[in-house]
Amino acid sequence: MEIIQFVRAISTDMECPQCKRGRMRPLGIIMGQPPPNYAHICTACGFKCEYDKAYPTLVQVGEGEVLKVEEE
């Protein structure tokens, strides 16, 4: 049986840790295994680094659900 419910989409983005102006975007390169790291580049200054997820991310949360956010 199909279950239909309303969800909200929440986006998480990463600010460049170097210039604080740009956003980090994935280069399409996955480094190391496991766990994999995703290579990113800043849209403003070109700074490169790796994260454990590809930004931006999109999370769907159902009505009444609580979203737990982990600090990095």
PDB file of N, CA and C in Angstrom:
ATOM      1  N   MET A   1       0.837  -1.158   0.000  1.00  0.00           N
ATOM      2  CA  MET A   1       0.000   0.000   0.000  1.00  0.00           C
ATOM      3  C   MET A   1       0.897   1.241   0.000  1.00  0.00           C
ATOM      4  N   GLU A   2       0.567   2.217  -0.844  1.00  0.00           N
ATOM      5  CA  GLU A   2       1.298   3.475  -0.871  1.00  0.00           C
ATOM      6  C   GLU A   2       0.896   4.345   0.318  1.00  0.00           C
ATOM      7  N   ILE A   3       1.862   5.050   0.848  1.00  0.00           N
ATOM      8  CA  ILE A   3       1.610   5.990   1.929  1.00  0.00           C
ATOM      9  C   ILE A   3       2.001   7.370   1.420  1.00  0.00           C
ATOM     10  N   ILE A   4       1.070   8.309   1.511  1.00  0.00           N
ATOM     11  CA  ILE A   4       1.318   9.670   1.043  1.00  0.00           C
ATOM     12  C   ILE A   4       1.384  10.592   2.244  1.00  0.00           C
ATOM     13  N   GLN A   5       2.438  11.419   2.299  1.00  0.00           N
ATOM     14  CA  GLN A   5       2.560  12.361   3.402  1.00  0.00           C
ATOM     15  C   GLN A   5       3.245  13.627   2.913  1.00  0.00           C
ATOM     16  N   PHE A   6       2.993  14.733   3.601  1.00  0.00           N
ATOM     17  CA  PHE A   6       3.649  15.981   3.300  1.00  0.00           C
ATOM     18  C   PHE A   6       5.033  15.985   3.930  1.00  0.00           C
ATOM     19  N   VAL A   7       6.025  16.493   3.191  1.00  0.00           N
ATOM     20  CA  VAL A   7       7.374  16.633   3.719  1.00  0.00           C
ATOM     21  C   VAL A   7       7.892  18.030   3.393  1.00  0.00           C
ATOM     22  N   ARG A   8       8.833  18.473   4.179  1.00  0.00           N
ATOM     23  CA  ARG A   8       9.516  19.736   3.913  1.00  0.00           C
ATOM     24  C   ARG A   8      10.946  19.406   3.510  1.00  0.00           C
ATOM     25  N   ALA A   9      11.456  20.142   2.552  1.00  0.00           N
ATOM     26  CA  ALA A   9      12.834  19.959   2.120  1.00  0.00           C
ATOM     27  C   ALA A   9      13.715  20.986   2.822  1.00  0.00           C
ATOM     28  N   ILE A  10      14.824  20.521   3.392  1.00  0.00           N
ATOM     29  CA  ILE A  10      15.775  21.388   4.073  1.00  0.00           C
ATOM     30  C   ILE A  10      17.123  21.237   3.376  1.00  0.00           C
ATOM     31  N   SER A  11      17.692  22.362   2.978  1.00  0.00           N
ATOM     32  CA  SER A  11      18.976  22.368   2.283  1.00  0.00           C
ATOM     33  C   SER A  11      20.093  22.765   3.245  1.00  0.00           C
ATOM     34  N   THR A  12      21.220  22.071   3.142  1.00  0.00           N
ATOM     35  CA  THR A  12      22.407  22.404   3.923  1.00  0.00           C
ATOM     36  C   THR A  12      23.528  22.725   2.950  1.00  0.00           C
ATOM     37  N   ASP A  13      24.157  23.880   3.121  1.00  0.00           N
ATOM     38  CA  ASP A  13      25.242  24.291   2.237  1.00  0.00           C
ATOM     39  C   ASP A  13      26.495  24.517   3.077  1.00  0.00           C
ATOM     40  N   MET A  14      27.655  24.599   2.433  1.00  0.00           N
ATOM     41  CA  MET A  14      28.910  24.814   3.153  1.00  0.00           C
ATOM     42  C   MET A  14      29.577  26.090   2.653  1.00  0.00           C
ATOM     43  N   GLU A  15      29.844  27.015   3.602  1.00  0.00           N
ATOM     44  CA  GLU A  15      30.565  28.240   3.297  1.00  0.00           C
ATOM     45  C   GLU A  15      32.052  27.922   3.180  1.00  0.00           C
ATOM     46  N   CYS A  16      32.741  28.620   2.294  1.00  0.00           N
ATOM     47  CA  CYS A  16      34.183  28.405   2.141  1.00  0.00           C
ATOM     48  C   CYS A  16      34.893  28.757   3.442  1.00  0.00           C
ATOM     49  N   PRO A  17      35.689  27.825   3.999  1.00  0.00           N
ATOM     50  CA  PRO A  17      36.388  28.095   5.247  1.00  0.00           C
ATOM     51  C   PRO A  17      37.542  29.085   5.083  1.00  0.00           C
ATOM     52  N   GLN A  18      37.945  29.342   3.838  1.00  0.00           N
ATOM     53  CA  GLN A  18      39.072  30.245   3.616  1.00  0.00           C
ATOM     54  C   GLN A  18      38.621  31.691   3.363  1.00  0.00           C
ATOM     55  N   CYS A  19      37.775  31.916   2.357  1.00  0.00           N
ATOM     56  CA  CYS A  19      37.401  33.292   1.997  1.00  0.00           C
ATOM     57  C   CYS A  19      36.093  33.754   2.635  1.00  0.00           C
ATOM     58  N   LYS A  20      35.271  32.833   3.102  1.00  0.00           N
ATOM     59  CA  LYS A  20      33.975  33.126   3.737  1.00  0.00           C
ATOM     60  C   LYS A  20      32.969  33.800   2.804  1.00  0.00           C
ATOM     61  N   ARG A  21      33.242  33.816   1.489  1.00  0.00           N
ATOM     62  CA  ARG A  21      32.327  34.440   0.534  1.00  0.00           C
ATOM     63  C   ARG A  21      31.640  33.414  -0.372  1.00  0.00           C
ATOM     64  N   GLY A  22      32.381  32.406  -0.786  1.00  0.00           N
ATOM     65  CA  GLY A  22      31.854  31.431  -1.725  1.00  0.00           C
ATOM     66  C   GLY A  22      31.217  30.233  -1.045  1.00  0.00           C
ATOM     67  N   ARG A  23      30.657  29.377  -1.858  1.00  0.00           N
ATOM     68  CA  ARG A  23      30.070  28.115  -1.404  1.00  0.00           C
ATOM     69  C   ARG A  23      30.892  26.972  -1.973  1.00  0.00           C
ATOM     70  N   MET A  24      30.998  25.903  -1.211  1.00  0.00           N
ATOM     71  CA  MET A  24      31.772  24.738  -1.643  1.00  0.00           C
ATOM     72  C   MET A  24      30.920  23.850  -2.539  1.00  0.00           C
ATOM     73  N   ARG A  25      31.467  23.475  -3.696  1.00  0.00           N
ATOM     74  CA  ARG A  25      30.763  22.627  -4.657  1.00  0.00           C
ATOM     75  C   ARG A  25      31.606  21.401  -4.984  1.00  0.00           C
ATOM     76  N   PRO A  26      30.959  20.226  -5.126  1.00  0.00           N
ATOM     77  CA  PRO A  26      31.707  18.996  -5.388  1.00  0.00           C
ATOM     78  C   PRO A  26      32.359  18.999  -6.769  1.00  0.00           C
ATOM     79  N   LEU A  27      33.536  18.390  -6.820  1.00  0.00           N
ATOM     80  CA  LEU A  27      34.271  18.264  -8.078  1.00  0.00           C
ATOM     81  C   LEU A  27      33.942  16.961  -8.806  1.00  0.00           C
ATOM     82  N   GLY A  28      33.150  16.095  -8.174  1.00  0.00           N
ATOM     83  CA  GLY A  28      32.834  14.811  -8.778  1.00  0.00           C
ATOM     84  C   GLY A  28      33.910  13.763  -8.523  1.00  0.00           C
ATOM     85  N   ILE A  29      34.792  14.045  -7.563  1.00  0.00           N
ATOM     86  CA  ILE A  29      35.879  13.129  -7.225  1.00  0.00           C
ATOM     87  C   ILE A  29      35.641  12.600  -5.812  1.00  0.00           C
ATOM     88  N   ILE A  30      35.656  11.273  -5.663  1.00  0.00           N
ATOM     89  CA  ILE A  30      35.500  10.651  -4.351  1.00  0.00           C
ATOM     90  C   ILE A  30      36.864  10.128  -3.921  1.00  0.00           C
ATOM     91  N   MET A  31      37.316  10.559  -2.739  1.00  0.00           N
ATOM     92  CA  MET A  31      38.638  10.222  -2.237  1.00  0.00           C
ATOM     93  C   MET A  31      38.542   9.199  -1.109  1.00  0.00           C
ATOM     94  N   GLY A  32      39.388   8.179  -1.136  1.00  0.00           N
ATOM     95  CA  GLY A  32      39.492   7.217  -0.036  1.00  0.00           C
ATOM     96  C   GLY A  32      38.241   6.381   0.194  1.00  0.00           C
ATOM     97  N   GLN A  33      38.442   5.238   0.828  1.00  0.00           N
ATOM     98  CA  GLN A  33      37.323   4.362   1.136  1.00  0.00           C
ATOM     99  C   GLN A  33      37.707   3.459   2.276  1.00  0.00           C
ATOM    100  N   PRO A  34      36.826   2.992   3.071  1.00  0.00           N
ATOM    101  CA  PRO A  34      35.684   3.736   3.569  1.00  0.00           C
ATOM    102  C   PRO A  34      36.083   4.590   4.754  1.00  0.00           C
ATOM    103  N   PRO A  35      35.439   5.592   5.182  1.00  0.00           N
ATOM    104  CA  PRO A  35      34.320   6.204   4.481  1.00  0.00           C
ATOM    105  C   PRO A  35      34.843   7.131   3.384  1.00  0.00           C
ATOM    106  N   PRO A  36      34.060   7.350   2.368  1.00  0.00           N
ATOM    107  CA  PRO A  36      34.514   8.204   1.268  1.00  0.00           C
ATOM    108  C   PRO A  36      34.506   9.687   1.657  1.00  0.00           C
ATOM    109  N   ASN A  37      35.385  10.452   1.050  1.00  0.00           N
ATOM    110  CA  ASN A  37      35.405  11.912   1.175  1.00  0.00           C
ATOM    111  C   ASN A  37      35.187  12.502  -0.207  1.00  0.00           C
ATOM    112  N   TYR A  38      34.480  13.618  -0.267  1.00  0.00           N
ATOM    113  CA  TYR A  38      34.129  14.256  -1.533  1.00  0.00           C
ATOM    114  C   TYR A  38      34.936  15.535  -1.699  1.00  0.00           C
ATOM    115  N   ALA A  39      35.701  15.621  -2.800  1.00  0.00           N
ATOM    116  CA  ALA A  39      36.501  16.810  -3.087  1.00  0.00           C
ATOM    117  C   ALA A  39      35.578  17.947  -3.510  1.00  0.00           C
ATOM    118  N   HIS A  40      35.819  19.154  -2.950  1.00  0.00           N
ATOM    119  CA  HIS A  40      35.019  20.342  -3.239  1.00  0.00           C
ATOM    120  C   HIS A  40      35.919  21.502  -3.646  1.00  0.00           C
ATOM    121  N   ILE A  41      35.334  22.480  -4.336  1.00  0.00           N
ATOM    122  CA  ILE A  41      36.039  23.703  -4.698  1.00  0.00           C
ATOM    123  C   ILE A  41      35.135  24.892  -4.393  1.00  0.00           C
ATOM    124  N   CYS A  42      35.745  25.997  -3.954  1.00  0.00           N
ATOM    125  CA  CYS A  42      34.991  27.209  -3.628  1.00  0.00           C
ATOM    126  C   CYS A  42      34.580  27.928  -4.909  1.00  0.00           C
ATOM    127  N   THR A  43      33.350  28.418  -4.934  1.00  0.00           N
ATOM    128  CA  THR A  43      32.828  29.129  -6.106  1.00  0.00           C
ATOM    129  C   THR A  43      33.431  30.524  -6.239  1.00  0.00           C
ATOM    130  N   ALA A  44      34.041  31.056  -5.179  1.00  0.00           N
ATOM    131  CA  ALA A  44      34.594  32.408  -5.225  1.00  0.00           C
ATOM    132  C   ALA A  44      36.114  32.435  -5.379  1.00  0.00           C
ATOM    133  N   CYS A  45      36.829  31.690  -4.533  1.00  0.00           N
ATOM    134  CA  CYS A  45      38.299  31.799  -4.531  1.00  0.00           C
ATOM    135  C   CYS A  45      39.026  30.581  -5.089  1.00  0.00           C
ATOM    136  N   GLY A  46      38.313  29.459  -5.316  1.00  0.00           N
ATOM    137  CA  GLY A  46      38.956  28.267  -5.868  1.00  0.00           C
ATOM    138  C   GLY A  46      39.613  27.371  -4.838  1.00  0.00           C
ATOM    139  N   PHE A  47      39.462  27.665  -3.549  1.00  0.00           N
ATOM    140  CA  PHE A  47      40.024  26.830  -2.482  1.00  0.00           C
ATOM    141  C   PHE A  47      39.456  25.419  -2.600  1.00  0.00           C
ATOM    142  N   LYS A  48      40.302  24.399  -2.416  1.00  0.00           N
ATOM    143  CA  LYS A  48      39.873  23.005  -2.509  1.00  0.00           C
ATOM    144  C   LYS A  48      40.036  22.302  -1.162  1.00  0.00           C
ATOM    145  N   CYS A  49      39.060  21.466  -0.823  1.00  0.00           N
ATOM    146  CA  CYS A  49      39.148  20.631   0.372  1.00  0.00           C
ATOM    147  C   CYS A  49      38.159  19.474   0.244  1.00  0.00           C
ATOM    148  N   GLU A  50      38.164  18.587   1.231  1.00  0.00           N
ATOM    149  CA  GLU A  50      37.308  17.398   1.211  1.00  0.00           C
ATOM    150  C   GLU A  50      36.341  17.411   2.384  1.00  0.00           C
ATOM    151  N   TYR A  51      35.143  16.873   2.147  1.00  0.00           N
ATOM    152  CA  TYR A  51      34.123  16.722   3.191  1.00  0.00           C
ATOM    153  C   TYR A  51      33.570  15.305   3.137  1.00  0.00           C
ATOM    154  N   ASP A  52      32.893  14.893   4.204  1.00  0.00           N
ATOM    155  CA  ASP A  52      32.333  13.540   4.252  1.00  0.00           C
ATOM    156  C   ASP A  52      30.994  13.425   3.537  1.00  0.00           C
ATOM    157  N   LYS A  53      30.505  14.535   2.964  1.00  0.00           N
ATOM    158  CA  LYS A  53      29.293  14.514   2.144  1.00  0.00           C
ATOM    159  C   LYS A  53      29.436  15.538   1.035  1.00  0.00           C
ATOM    160  N   ALA A  54      28.639  15.405  -0.008  1.00  0.00           N
ATOM    161  CA  ALA A  54      28.678  16.340  -1.123  1.00  0.00           C
ATOM    162  C   ALA A  54      27.675  17.469  -0.868  1.00  0.00           C
ATOM    163  N   TYR A  55      28.178  18.710  -0.829  1.00  0.00           N
ATOM    164  CA  TYR A  55      27.313  19.873  -0.600  1.00  0.00           C
ATOM    165  C   TYR A  55      26.891  20.487  -1.913  1.00  0.00           C
ATOM    166  N   PRO A  56      25.707  21.069  -2.010  1.00  0.00           N
ATOM    167  CA  PRO A  56      24.700  21.152  -0.959  1.00  0.00           C
ATOM    168  C   PRO A  56      23.950  19.826  -0.810  1.00  0.00           C
ATOM    169  N   THR A  57      23.406  19.604   0.377  1.00  0.00           N
ATOM    170  CA  THR A  57      22.616  18.405   0.631  1.00  0.00           C
ATOM    171  C   THR A  57      21.151  18.788   0.762  1.00  0.00           C
ATOM    172  N   LEU A  58      20.282  17.834   0.559  1.00  0.00           N
ATOM    173  CA  LEU A  58      18.848  18.059   0.682  1.00  0.00           C
ATOM    174  C   LEU A  58      18.273  16.946   1.545  1.00  0.00           C
ATOM    175  N   VAL A  59      17.570  17.329   2.605  1.00  0.00           N
ATOM    176  CA  VAL A  59      16.970  16.375   3.533  1.00  0.00           C
ATOM    177  C   VAL A  59      15.466  16.606   3.541  1.00  0.00           C
ATOM    178  N   GLN A  60      14.706  15.525   3.485  1.00  0.00           N
ATOM    179  CA  GLN A  60      13.251  15.640   3.567  1.00  0.00           C
ATOM    180  C   GLN A  60      12.804  15.261   4.972  1.00  0.00           C
ATOM    181  N   VAL A  61      11.991  16.127   5.573  1.00  0.00           N
ATOM    182  CA  VAL A  61      11.507  15.910   6.926  1.00  0.00           C
ATOM    183  C   VAL A  61       9.986  15.887   6.908  1.00  0.00           C
ATOM    184  N   GLY A  62       9.414  14.823   7.466  1.00  0.00           N
ATOM    185  CA  GLY A  62       7.965  14.708   7.535  1.00  0.00           C
ATOM    186  C   GLY A  62       7.400  15.621   8.606  1.00  0.00           C
ATOM    187  N   GLU A  63       6.134  15.976   8.479  1.00  0.00           N
ATOM    188  CA  GLU A  63       5.488  16.819   9.479  1.00  0.00           C
ATOM    189  C   GLU A  63       5.538  16.140  10.836  1.00  0.00           C
ATOM    190  N   GLY A  64       5.920  16.885  11.853  1.00  0.00           N
ATOM    191  CA  GLY A  64       6.009  16.344  13.198  1.00  0.00           C
ATOM    192  C   GLY A  64       7.337  15.680  13.516  1.00  0.00           C
ATOM    193  N   GLU A  65       8.195  15.477  12.510  1.00  0.00           N
ATOM    194  CA  GLU A  65       9.503  14.869  12.755  1.00  0.00           C
ATOM    195  C   GLU A  65      10.479  15.914  13.282  1.00  0.00           C
ATOM    196  N   VAL A  66      11.442  15.480  14.064  1.00  0.00           N
ATOM    197  CA  VAL A  66      12.475  16.361  14.586  1.00  0.00           C
ATOM    198  C   VAL A  66      13.771  16.043  13.860  1.00  0.00           C
ATOM    199  N   LEU A  67      14.426  17.067  13.348  1.00  0.00           N
ATOM    200  CA  LEU A  67      15.686  16.895  12.634  1.00  0.00           C
ATOM    201  C   LEU A  67      16.832  17.178  13.585  1.00  0.00           C
ATOM    202  N   LYS A  68      17.738  16.196  13.765  1.00  0.00           N
ATOM    203  CA  LYS A  68      18.897  16.381  14.636  1.00  0.00           C
ATOM    204  C   LYS A  68      20.063  16.861  13.772  1.00  0.00           C
ATOM    205  N   VAL A  69      20.704  17.936  14.188  1.00  0.00           N
ATOM    206  CA  VAL A  69      21.830  18.506  13.454  1.00  0.00           C
ATOM    207  C   VAL A  69      23.095  18.240  14.245  1.00  0.00           C
ATOM    208  N   GLU A  70      24.090  17.673  13.559  1.00  0.00           N
ATOM    209  CA  GLU A  70      25.377  17.386  14.195  1.00  0.00           C
ATOM    210  C   GLU A  70      26.366  18.469  13.825  1.00  0.00           C
ATOM    211  N   GLU A  71      27.038  19.031  14.815  1.00  0.00           N
ATOM    212  CA  GLU A  71      28.073  20.034  14.560  1.00  0.00           C
ATOM    213  C   GLU A  71      29.340  19.336  14.110  1.00  0.00           C
ATOM    214  N   GLU A  72      30.029  19.931  13.115  1.00  0.00           N
ATOM    215  CA  GLU A  72      31.288  19.354  12.639  1.00  0.00           C
ATOM    216  C   GLU A  72      32.458  20.026  13.282  1.00  0.00           C
TER     217      GLU A  72
END
